[in-house]
């Protein structure tokens, strides 16, 4: 479940059993005595006999939340029935909100029109909440409200996708204004100089620290499940932080980027992926609780961005041209969603949970598929193997995520 009651809310709520997780944004002020790193883990470890290197047999288990914890937006914001994440997609020819050819900041892997995608209807869908309307993204209003502030996206390439969407949305209102842009390996930044606004992306796909260190006399890359101190130095000082993490935790082999996981003085060669993710997310939550002043910094966690690798047309998103009708997704729900919401639910700090998972699950049409710049002509002819069904075209779905972020920041 994605929804739960703060310990500060005393209202009794009716029993609900929705077919899919209810879609809400909550400001979590919770102290439930919940330890997300251990409460749902069956644990045992076995040593390889190599001086502190272990293979973990811990297993992650799904948790059934009490239906009495279900909560709607109107329960949190008195007088409002606006749950901005529950709704459906509406075709709207006034979208997209910017021209891809006039935004110089889009990475080639997201620039579907430049890469020859023959259709563009995927750009023309607006999210309509069930009981209300959200404000159309207004770049000038956003810049004025952010004047003198820093907005930072932190996470993996899906947050880079959202970051580039945001700077394209803002850039559309700044055709003659002074801007600054730099793209780095770890930190990339766009600045609207006339407003004093900085919009950055900090690359940290695991959120926790990944370091090169000596293990048994050899230099190895180690993912530190219990530390976010190094990455955290780059997050301090931001006025708004938007985090994500999830996809990299299921990578295998060379794609994962590390040789060992470390917790305390133990190094692990293997660990259940969701156990590791739960530990890493708990570390991130503890860092936020210990280092972020909620009076100065607003924190969001964007829920898991789904991929579409087993639907139709050979098992992926290739040639999909429109969203799934309705407001429900009946397929498998990614386990990363539940891990993240458990951690956010347990935190002392107020963190806003941007639940974009289900509305994105309905958008199998919005991926780059074979229209990214890193595929050869031969690879494009083999979409079953090479279609990118994880990232999103720009303009496209991440623009709607940012429209929801805009509403959540200033109008919900």
Protein backbone atom coordinates (compact mmCIF):
# COMPACT_ATOMS: atom_id res chain seq x y z
CA UNK A 1 0.00 0.00 0.00
CA UNK A 2 1.11 3.53 -0.67
CA UNK A 3 -1.03 5.22 1.91
CA UNK A 4 -0.94 5.35 5.66
CA UNK A 5 -1.99 7.46 8.61
CA UNK A 6 0.33 9.72 10.49
CA UNK A 7 0.46 9.05 14.19
CA UNK A 8 -0.67 12.67 14.55
CA UNK A 9 -3.98 12.02 12.77
CA UNK A 10 -6.61 10.65 15.13
CA UNK A 11 -9.47 10.33 12.64
CA UNK A 12 -10.79 6.79 12.15
CA UNK A 13 -10.89 5.85 8.50
CA UNK A 14 -13.16 3.36 6.74
CA UNK A 15 -12.00 -0.04 5.65
CA UNK A 16 -10.76 0.14 2.05
CA UNK A 17 -9.36 -2.49 -0.25
CA UNK A 18 -8.52 -0.83 -3.57
CA UNK A 19 -7.51 -2.99 -6.52
CA UNK A 20 -4.29 -1.00 -6.81
CA UNK A 21 -2.40 1.15 -4.32
CA UNK A 22 -4.26 4.41 -3.74
CA UNK A 23 -2.43 7.35 -5.23
CA UNK A 24 -1.76 10.14 -2.82
CA UNK A 25 0.78 12.71 -1.80
CA UNK A 26 1.38 12.92 1.91
CA UNK A 27 3.59 14.97 4.12
CA UNK A 28 4.85 12.30 6.44
CA UNK A 29 5.35 13.31 10.07
CA UNK A 30 5.59 9.80 11.39
CA UNK A 31 7.12 8.13 14.40
CA UNK A 32 5.82 4.59 14.22
CA UNK A 33 8.79 2.83 15.77
CA UNK A 34 9.37 1.01 12.48
CA UNK A 35 12.84 -0.15 11.46
CA UNK A 36 12.70 -0.51 7.67
CA UNK A 37 16.12 -2.10 7.52
CA UNK A 38 15.21 -5.11 9.64
CA UNK A 39 11.51 -5.55 10.32
CA UNK A 40 10.70 -7.60 7.23
CA UNK A 41 13.99 -9.36 6.63
CA UNK A 42 14.71 -13.00 7.36
CA UNK A 43 18.43 -13.03 8.02
CA UNK A 44 21.39 -15.35 7.93
CA UNK A 45 24.89 -14.99 6.53
CA UNK A 46 27.62 -17.38 5.55
CA UNK A 47 31.29 -16.53 5.41
CA UNK A 48 33.48 -17.46 2.47
CA UNK A 49 36.36 -17.86 4.88
CA UNK A 50 38.11 -14.94 3.23
CA UNK A 51 38.46 -12.52 6.13
CA UNK A 52 35.14 -10.73 6.40
CA UNK A 53 33.63 -11.40 2.96
CA UNK A 54 30.15 -12.89 3.18
CA UNK A 55 27.29 -14.19 1.09
CA UNK A 56 23.97 -13.03 2.54
CA UNK A 57 20.90 -15.27 2.49
CA UNK A 58 18.58 -12.59 3.85
CA UNK A 59 15.22 -12.53 2.07
CA UNK A 60 12.82 -9.65 1.60
CA UNK A 61 9.14 -10.22 2.30
CA UNK A 62 6.16 -8.17 1.24
CA UNK A 63 4.25 -6.55 4.08
CA UNK A 64 0.48 -6.33 4.24
CA UNK A 65 -0.44 -2.96 5.63
CA UNK A 66 -3.50 -2.50 7.79
CA UNK A 67 -6.37 -1.23 5.60
CA UNK A 68 -7.29 1.15 8.42
CA UNK A 69 -4.16 3.04 7.49
CA UNK A 70 -5.66 4.06 4.14
CA UNK A 71 -5.84 7.80 3.68
CA UNK A 72 -7.06 10.16 1.00
CA UNK A 73 -5.86 13.65 0.18
CA UNK A 74 -8.98 15.16 1.74
CA UNK A 75 -8.13 13.51 5.07
CA UNK A 76 -4.85 15.43 5.16
CA UNK A 77 -5.90 18.70 3.57
CA UNK A 78 -9.22 19.57 5.19
CA UNK A 79 -11.80 20.80 2.70
CA UNK A 80 -9.96 19.31 -0.27
CA UNK A 81 -10.92 16.26 -2.28
CA UNK A 82 -7.90 16.57 -4.54
CA UNK A 83 -5.78 13.45 -4.74
CA UNK A 84 -3.63 14.60 -7.63
CA UNK A 85 -2.25 11.12 -8.36
CA UNK A 86 -5.59 9.35 -8.82
CA UNK A 87 -7.14 9.97 -12.22
CA UNK A 88 -6.80 9.21 -15.91
CA UNK A 89 -5.10 10.44 -19.07
CA UNK A 90 -6.86 13.00 -21.30
CA UNK A 91 -5.84 13.77 -24.88
CA UNK A 92 -4.95 17.46 -25.12
CA UNK A 93 -3.63 19.14 -28.26
CA UNK A 94 -2.28 22.09 -26.24
CA UNK A 95 0.54 19.81 -25.11
CA UNK A 96 3.53 19.53 -25.11
CA UNK A 97 4.52 22.63 -23.18
CA UNK A 98 7.78 23.17 -25.10
CA UNK A 99 9.32 22.41 -28.49
CA UNK A 100 11.99 19.70 -28.37
CA UNK A 101 13.96 21.42 -31.14
CA UNK A 102 14.26 24.60 -29.06
CA UNK A 103 15.53 22.95 -25.88
CA UNK A 104 19.28 22.32 -26.18
CA UNK A 105 19.51 20.33 -22.94
CA UNK A 106 17.85 17.02 -23.91
CA UNK A 107 20.16 14.00 -23.86
CA UNK A 108 20.19 11.97 -27.05
CA UNK A 109 18.68 8.95 -25.34
CA UNK A 110 15.54 10.97 -24.48
CA UNK A 111 15.27 13.01 -27.71
CA UNK A 112 12.86 10.71 -29.54
CA UNK A 113 11.74 13.15 -32.24
CA UNK A 114 15.31 14.04 -33.15
CA UNK A 115 16.07 10.33 -33.36
CA UNK A 116 13.32 9.74 -35.89
CA UNK A 117 10.28 8.61 -33.94
CA UNK A 118 7.52 8.89 -36.57
CA UNK A 119 4.60 9.63 -34.21
CA UNK A 120 4.23 12.43 -31.65
CA UNK A 121 0.84 11.76 -30.09
CA UNK A 122 2.53 10.51 -26.90
CA UNK A 123 3.40 14.17 -26.19
CA UNK A 124 -0.26 15.24 -26.16
CA UNK A 125 -1.65 13.69 -23.01
CA UNK A 126 -2.62 15.55 -19.85
CA UNK A 127 -3.16 13.98 -16.42
CA UNK A 128 -6.64 14.61 -15.03
CA UNK A 129 -7.14 13.89 -11.29
CA UNK A 130 -10.45 12.25 -10.47
CA UNK A 131 -12.00 15.00 -8.32
CA UNK A 132 -10.17 18.16 -9.27
CA UNK A 133 -7.93 19.91 -11.76
CA UNK A 134 -4.24 20.55 -11.35
CA UNK A 135 -2.66 23.78 -12.47
CA UNK A 136 -1.07 23.81 -15.87
CA UNK A 137 2.67 24.28 -15.50
CA UNK A 138 3.49 28.00 -15.59
CA UNK A 139 7.21 28.49 -16.02
CA UNK A 140 7.21 32.20 -15.14
CA UNK A 141 5.23 31.53 -11.98
CA UNK A 142 7.58 28.67 -11.09
CA UNK A 143 10.64 30.88 -11.59
CA UNK A 144 9.16 33.67 -9.50
CA UNK A 145 8.31 31.31 -6.67
CA UNK A 146 11.79 29.76 -6.84
CA UNK A 147 13.58 33.11 -7.00
CA UNK A 148 16.92 32.87 -5.20
CA UNK A 149 16.47 29.16 -4.49
CA UNK A 150 18.02 25.83 -5.50
CA UNK A 151 15.99 22.87 -6.72
CA UNK A 152 18.00 19.64 -6.88
CA UNK A 153 17.08 16.27 -8.37
CA UNK A 154 19.08 13.39 -6.89
CA UNK A 155 19.20 9.82 -8.14
CA UNK A 156 19.60 7.83 -11.34
CA UNK A 157 19.01 8.50 -15.04
CA UNK A 158 15.24 8.57 -14.49
CA UNK A 159 15.74 11.63 -12.28
CA UNK A 160 18.06 13.06 -14.93
CA UNK A 161 15.14 12.55 -17.31
CA UNK A 162 12.90 14.56 -14.96
CA UNK A 163 15.59 17.20 -14.39
CA UNK A 164 16.01 17.80 -18.13
CA UNK A 165 12.23 18.02 -18.44
CA UNK A 166 12.19 20.71 -15.76
CA UNK A 167 14.90 22.83 -17.34
CA UNK A 168 13.22 22.53 -20.76
CA UNK A 169 9.93 23.68 -19.21
CA UNK A 170 11.68 26.67 -17.61
CA UNK A 171 13.84 27.43 -20.63
CA UNK A 172 10.71 27.81 -22.77
CA UNK A 173 9.88 30.94 -20.74
CA UNK A 174 13.43 32.30 -20.98
CA UNK A 175 14.17 32.71 -24.70
CA UNK A 176 16.10 35.96 -24.21
CA UNK A 177 17.11 35.61 -20.57
CA UNK A 178 20.59 34.94 -19.25
CA UNK A 179 21.17 31.28 -18.44
CA UNK A 180 24.05 29.08 -17.39
CA UNK A 181 24.45 25.35 -17.97
CA UNK A 182 27.12 22.82 -17.12
CA UNK A 183 26.92 19.03 -17.35
CA UNK A 184 29.27 16.99 -15.17
CA UNK A 185 29.74 13.36 -14.19
CA UNK A 186 28.24 13.84 -10.73
CA UNK A 187 26.70 17.32 -10.69
CA UNK A 188 24.96 19.09 -13.57
CA UNK A 189 23.38 22.53 -13.17
CA UNK A 190 21.11 24.91 -15.05
CA UNK A 191 20.75 28.48 -13.78
CA UNK A 192 18.21 31.15 -14.67
CA UNK A 193 20.51 34.03 -13.80
CA UNK A 194 17.91 36.80 -13.86
CA UNK A 195 15.90 34.94 -11.21
CA UNK A 196 18.79 33.54 -9.18
CA UNK A 197 17.28 30.07 -9.67
CA UNK A 198 19.47 26.96 -9.79
CA UNK A 199 18.11 23.59 -10.96
CA UNK A 200 20.62 20.78 -10.53
CA UNK A 201 20.95 17.04 -10.99
CA UNK A 202 23.18 15.09 -8.60
CA UNK A 203 23.94 11.60 -9.88
CA UNK A 204 23.63 9.03 -7.08
CA UNK A 205 21.71 6.01 -8.42
CA UNK A 206 21.95 4.15 -5.11
CA UNK A 207 21.73 7.31 -2.92
CA UNK A 208 24.15 5.62 -0.51
CA UNK A 209 27.90 6.01 -1.00
CA UNK A 210 29.92 4.01 -3.51
CA UNK A 211 33.68 4.16 -2.93
CA UNK A 212 36.88 2.61 -4.18
CA UNK A 213 38.77 0.93 -1.36
CA UNK A 214 41.17 -1.91 -0.64
CA UNK A 215 39.58 -5.30 0.01
CA UNK A 216 41.98 -8.19 0.68
CA UNK A 217 44.83 -6.29 -0.92
CA UNK A 218 42.95 -5.33 -4.08
CA UNK A 219 41.25 -2.11 -5.15
CA UNK A 220 37.52 -2.73 -5.33
CA UNK A 221 34.37 -0.66 -5.78
CA UNK A 222 32.24 -0.98 -2.66
CA UNK A 223 28.61 0.01 -2.18
CA UNK A 224 28.27 1.16 1.43
CA UNK A 225 24.77 0.25 2.55
CA UNK A 226 25.13 2.12 5.84
CA UNK A 227 26.60 5.44 4.66
CA UNK A 228 25.33 8.43 2.68
CA UNK A 229 27.77 10.92 4.16
CA UNK A 230 29.85 11.47 1.00
CA UNK A 231 26.88 11.96 -1.31
CA UNK A 232 25.08 13.97 1.35
CA UNK A 233 27.70 16.71 1.24
CA UNK A 234 26.42 17.59 -2.22
CA UNK A 235 22.78 17.76 -1.11
CA UNK A 236 23.17 20.17 1.78
CA UNK A 237 22.12 23.72 1.08
CA UNK A 238 19.42 22.93 -1.47
CA UNK A 239 16.00 24.46 -0.84
CA UNK A 240 14.07 21.65 -2.54
CA UNK A 241 15.34 18.08 -2.94
CA UNK A 242 13.68 15.50 -5.20
CA UNK A 243 15.10 12.00 -4.71
CA UNK A 244 14.65 8.72 -6.51
CA UNK A 245 16.31 5.30 -6.45
CA UNK A 246 15.31 1.80 -7.44
CA UNK A 247 16.41 0.62 -10.86
CA UNK A 248 20.10 0.12 -10.16
CA UNK A 249 19.40 -2.15 -7.21
CA UNK A 250 18.22 -4.87 -9.59
CA UNK A 251 21.16 -4.62 -11.99
CA UNK A 252 23.45 -7.64 -12.23
CA UNK A 253 27.00 -8.30 -13.40
CA UNK A 254 28.98 -5.35 -14.71
CA UNK A 255 25.85 -3.19 -14.94
CA UNK A 256 25.59 -2.87 -11.17
CA UNK A 257 28.86 -0.89 -10.93
CA UNK A 258 30.24 -2.40 -7.69
CA UNK A 259 32.26 -5.41 -6.55
CA UNK A 260 31.06 -5.69 -2.94
CA UNK A 261 28.35 -4.38 -0.68
CA UNK A 262 29.48 -3.27 2.77
CA UNK A 263 27.53 -3.04 6.01
CA UNK A 264 29.59 -2.30 9.10
CA UNK A 265 32.82 -4.25 8.76
CA UNK A 266 31.30 -6.98 6.59
CA UNK A 267 31.64 -7.16 2.82
CA UNK A 268 29.02 -9.06 0.84
CA UNK A 269 29.36 -10.67 -2.56
CA UNK A 270 25.61 -11.34 -2.83
CA UNK A 271 22.45 -10.13 -1.15
CA UNK A 272 18.76 -10.25 -1.96
CA UNK A 273 18.15 -7.18 -4.13
CA UNK A 274 15.19 -5.85 -2.16
CA UNK A 275 16.93 -6.48 1.18
CA UNK A 276 19.85 -4.40 -0.07
CA UNK A 277 17.50 -1.70 -1.37
CA UNK A 278 15.67 -1.60 1.94
CA UNK A 279 18.94 -1.18 3.84
CA UNK A 280 20.13 1.54 1.47
CA UNK A 281 16.84 3.41 1.64
CA UNK A 282 16.85 3.22 5.43
CA UNK A 283 20.33 4.78 5.42
CA UNK A 284 19.09 7.57 3.16
CA UNK A 285 16.11 8.15 5.48
CA UNK A 286 18.36 8.33 8.53
CA UNK A 287 20.61 10.81 6.74
CA UNK A 288 17.64 13.05 5.92
CA UNK A 289 16.37 12.85 9.51
CA UNK A 290 19.80 13.78 10.89
CA UNK A 291 20.95 16.42 8.42
CA UNK A 292 18.03 18.26 6.82
CA UNK A 293 16.26 21.15 8.54
CA UNK A 294 12.63 20.94 7.37
CA UNK A 295 12.18 24.64 8.10
CA UNK A 296 14.68 25.39 5.35
CA UNK A 297 14.52 22.46 2.92
CA UNK A 298 11.53 20.68 1.42
CA UNK A 299 12.16 17.01 0.58
CA UNK A 300 10.36 14.84 -1.97
CA UNK A 301 10.83 11.20 -2.85
CA UNK A 302 9.54 10.30 -6.30
CA UNK A 303 8.15 6.78 -6.41
CA UNK A 304 9.43 4.08 -8.73
CA UNK A 305 9.32 4.84 -12.45
CA UNK A 306 8.11 1.62 -14.11
CA UNK A 307 9.46 -0.07 -17.20
CA UNK A 308 7.33 -1.89 -19.76
CA UNK A 309 9.26 -4.95 -20.82
CA UNK A 310 6.52 -7.57 -21.11
CA UNK A 311 3.31 -6.22 -22.54
CA UNK A 312 2.68 -6.55 -26.28
CA UNK A 313 4.44 -6.55 -29.63
CA UNK A 314 7.14 -9.02 -28.76
CA UNK A 315 7.26 -8.27 -25.07
CA UNK A 316 8.08 -4.57 -24.81
CA UNK A 317 6.97 -1.01 -25.51
CA UNK A 318 7.87 -1.00 -29.20
CA UNK A 319 5.19 0.55 -31.44
CA UNK A 320 2.88 1.43 -28.52
CA UNK A 321 1.07 4.65 -29.42
CA UNK A 322 -1.41 5.50 -26.66
CA UNK A 323 -1.91 5.10 -22.89
CA UNK A 324 -3.83 2.32 -21.23
CA UNK A 325 -7.43 3.46 -20.81
CA UNK A 326 -8.86 4.03 -17.35
CA UNK A 327 -7.16 4.73 -14.04
CA UNK A 328 -6.18 1.24 -12.90
CA UNK A 329 -3.23 -0.95 -13.70
CA UNK A 330 -3.87 -4.64 -13.14
CA UNK A 331 -0.38 -5.99 -13.79
CA UNK A 332 2.41 -6.72 -11.33
CA UNK A 333 3.38 -3.78 -9.12
CA UNK A 334 7.13 -3.13 -8.70
CA UNK A 335 8.44 -4.17 -5.25
CA UNK A 336 10.63 -1.05 -5.10
CA UNK A 337 7.47 0.98 -4.56
CA UNK A 338 6.62 -0.78 -1.31
CA UNK A 339 10.19 -0.65 0.00
CA UNK A 340 10.40 3.11 -0.58
CA UNK A 341 7.02 3.90 0.95
CA UNK A 342 7.86 1.87 4.06
CA UNK A 343 11.01 3.89 4.59
CA UNK A 344 9.31 7.25 3.98
CA UNK A 345 6.52 6.20 6.34
CA UNK A 346 9.04 5.53 9.09
CA UNK A 347 10.90 8.84 8.87
CA UNK A 348 10.73 11.64 11.44
CA UNK A 349 11.25 14.34 8.81
CA UNK A 350 8.35 15.57 6.66
CA UNK A 351 8.93 13.99 3.24
CA UNK A 352 6.46 14.30 0.36
CA UNK A 353 5.94 11.05 -1.54
CA UNK A 354 5.38 11.82 -5.23
CA UNK A 355 3.44 8.77 -6.31
CA UNK A 356 3.89 8.68 -10.08
CA UNK A 357 4.05 4.89 -10.36
CA UNK A 358 0.54 3.96 -11.44
CA UNK A 359 -0.03 6.94 -13.72
CA UNK A 360 3.28 6.01 -15.39
CA UNK A 361 2.38 2.32 -15.61
CA UNK A 362 -0.45 3.44 -17.89
CA UNK A 363 2.02 5.09 -20.31
CA UNK A 364 3.71 2.28 -22.21
CA UNK A 365 3.57 4.56 -25.28
CA UNK A 366 5.92 7.19 -23.85
CA UNK A 367 9.27 5.35 -23.84
CA UNK A 368 12.08 5.96 -26.36
CA UNK A 369 11.82 2.36 -27.57
CA UNK A 370 14.31 2.20 -30.47
CA UNK A 371 14.41 5.98 -30.92
CA UNK A 372 17.49 6.77 -28.85
CA UNK A 373 20.82 7.94 -30.19
CA UNK A 374 22.89 5.01 -28.95
CA UNK A 375 21.49 2.30 -31.24
CA UNK A 376 22.82 1.24 -34.62
CA UNK A 377 20.55 0.77 -37.62
CA UNK A 378 20.78 -2.97 -37.10
CA UNK A 379 19.87 -2.72 -33.42
CA UNK A 380 16.81 -0.59 -34.23
CA UNK A 381 15.56 -3.45 -36.37
CA UNK A 382 15.58 -5.72 -33.32
CA UNK A 383 13.25 -3.98 -30.83
CA UNK A 384 12.61 -7.15 -28.84
CA UNK A 385 16.22 -6.96 -27.66
CA UNK A 386 17.16 -3.30 -27.86
CA UNK A 387 14.04 -1.19 -27.21
CA UNK A 388 14.48 1.17 -24.24
CA UNK A 389 11.30 0.72 -22.23
CA UNK A 390 12.67 2.26 -19.02
CA UNK A 391 13.46 5.89 -19.85
CA UNK A 392 10.96 8.40 -21.22
CA UNK A 393 10.86 10.61 -24.30
CA UNK A 394 11.16 14.37 -23.91
CA UNK A 395 8.82 16.13 -24.26
CA UNK A 396 6.66 13.54 -22.60
CA UNK A 397 5.70 11.88 -19.35
CA UNK A 398 8.36 13.52 -17.09
CA UNK A 399 6.78 16.89 -17.97
CA UNK A 400 3.64 15.66 -16.22
CA UNK A 401 5.69 14.53 -13.20
CA UNK A 402 6.97 18.10 -13.01
CA UNK A 403 3.49 19.53 -13.43
CA UNK A 404 2.48 17.44 -10.41
CA UNK A 405 5.60 18.58 -8.53
CA UNK A 406 4.67 22.19 -9.33
CA UNK A 407 1.19 21.64 -7.90
CA UNK A 408 2.53 19.79 -4.86
CA UNK A 409 5.03 22.56 -4.11
CA UNK A 410 2.73 25.53 -4.38
CA UNK A 411 -0.94 24.68 -4.85
CA UNK A 412 -1.99 21.45 -3.12
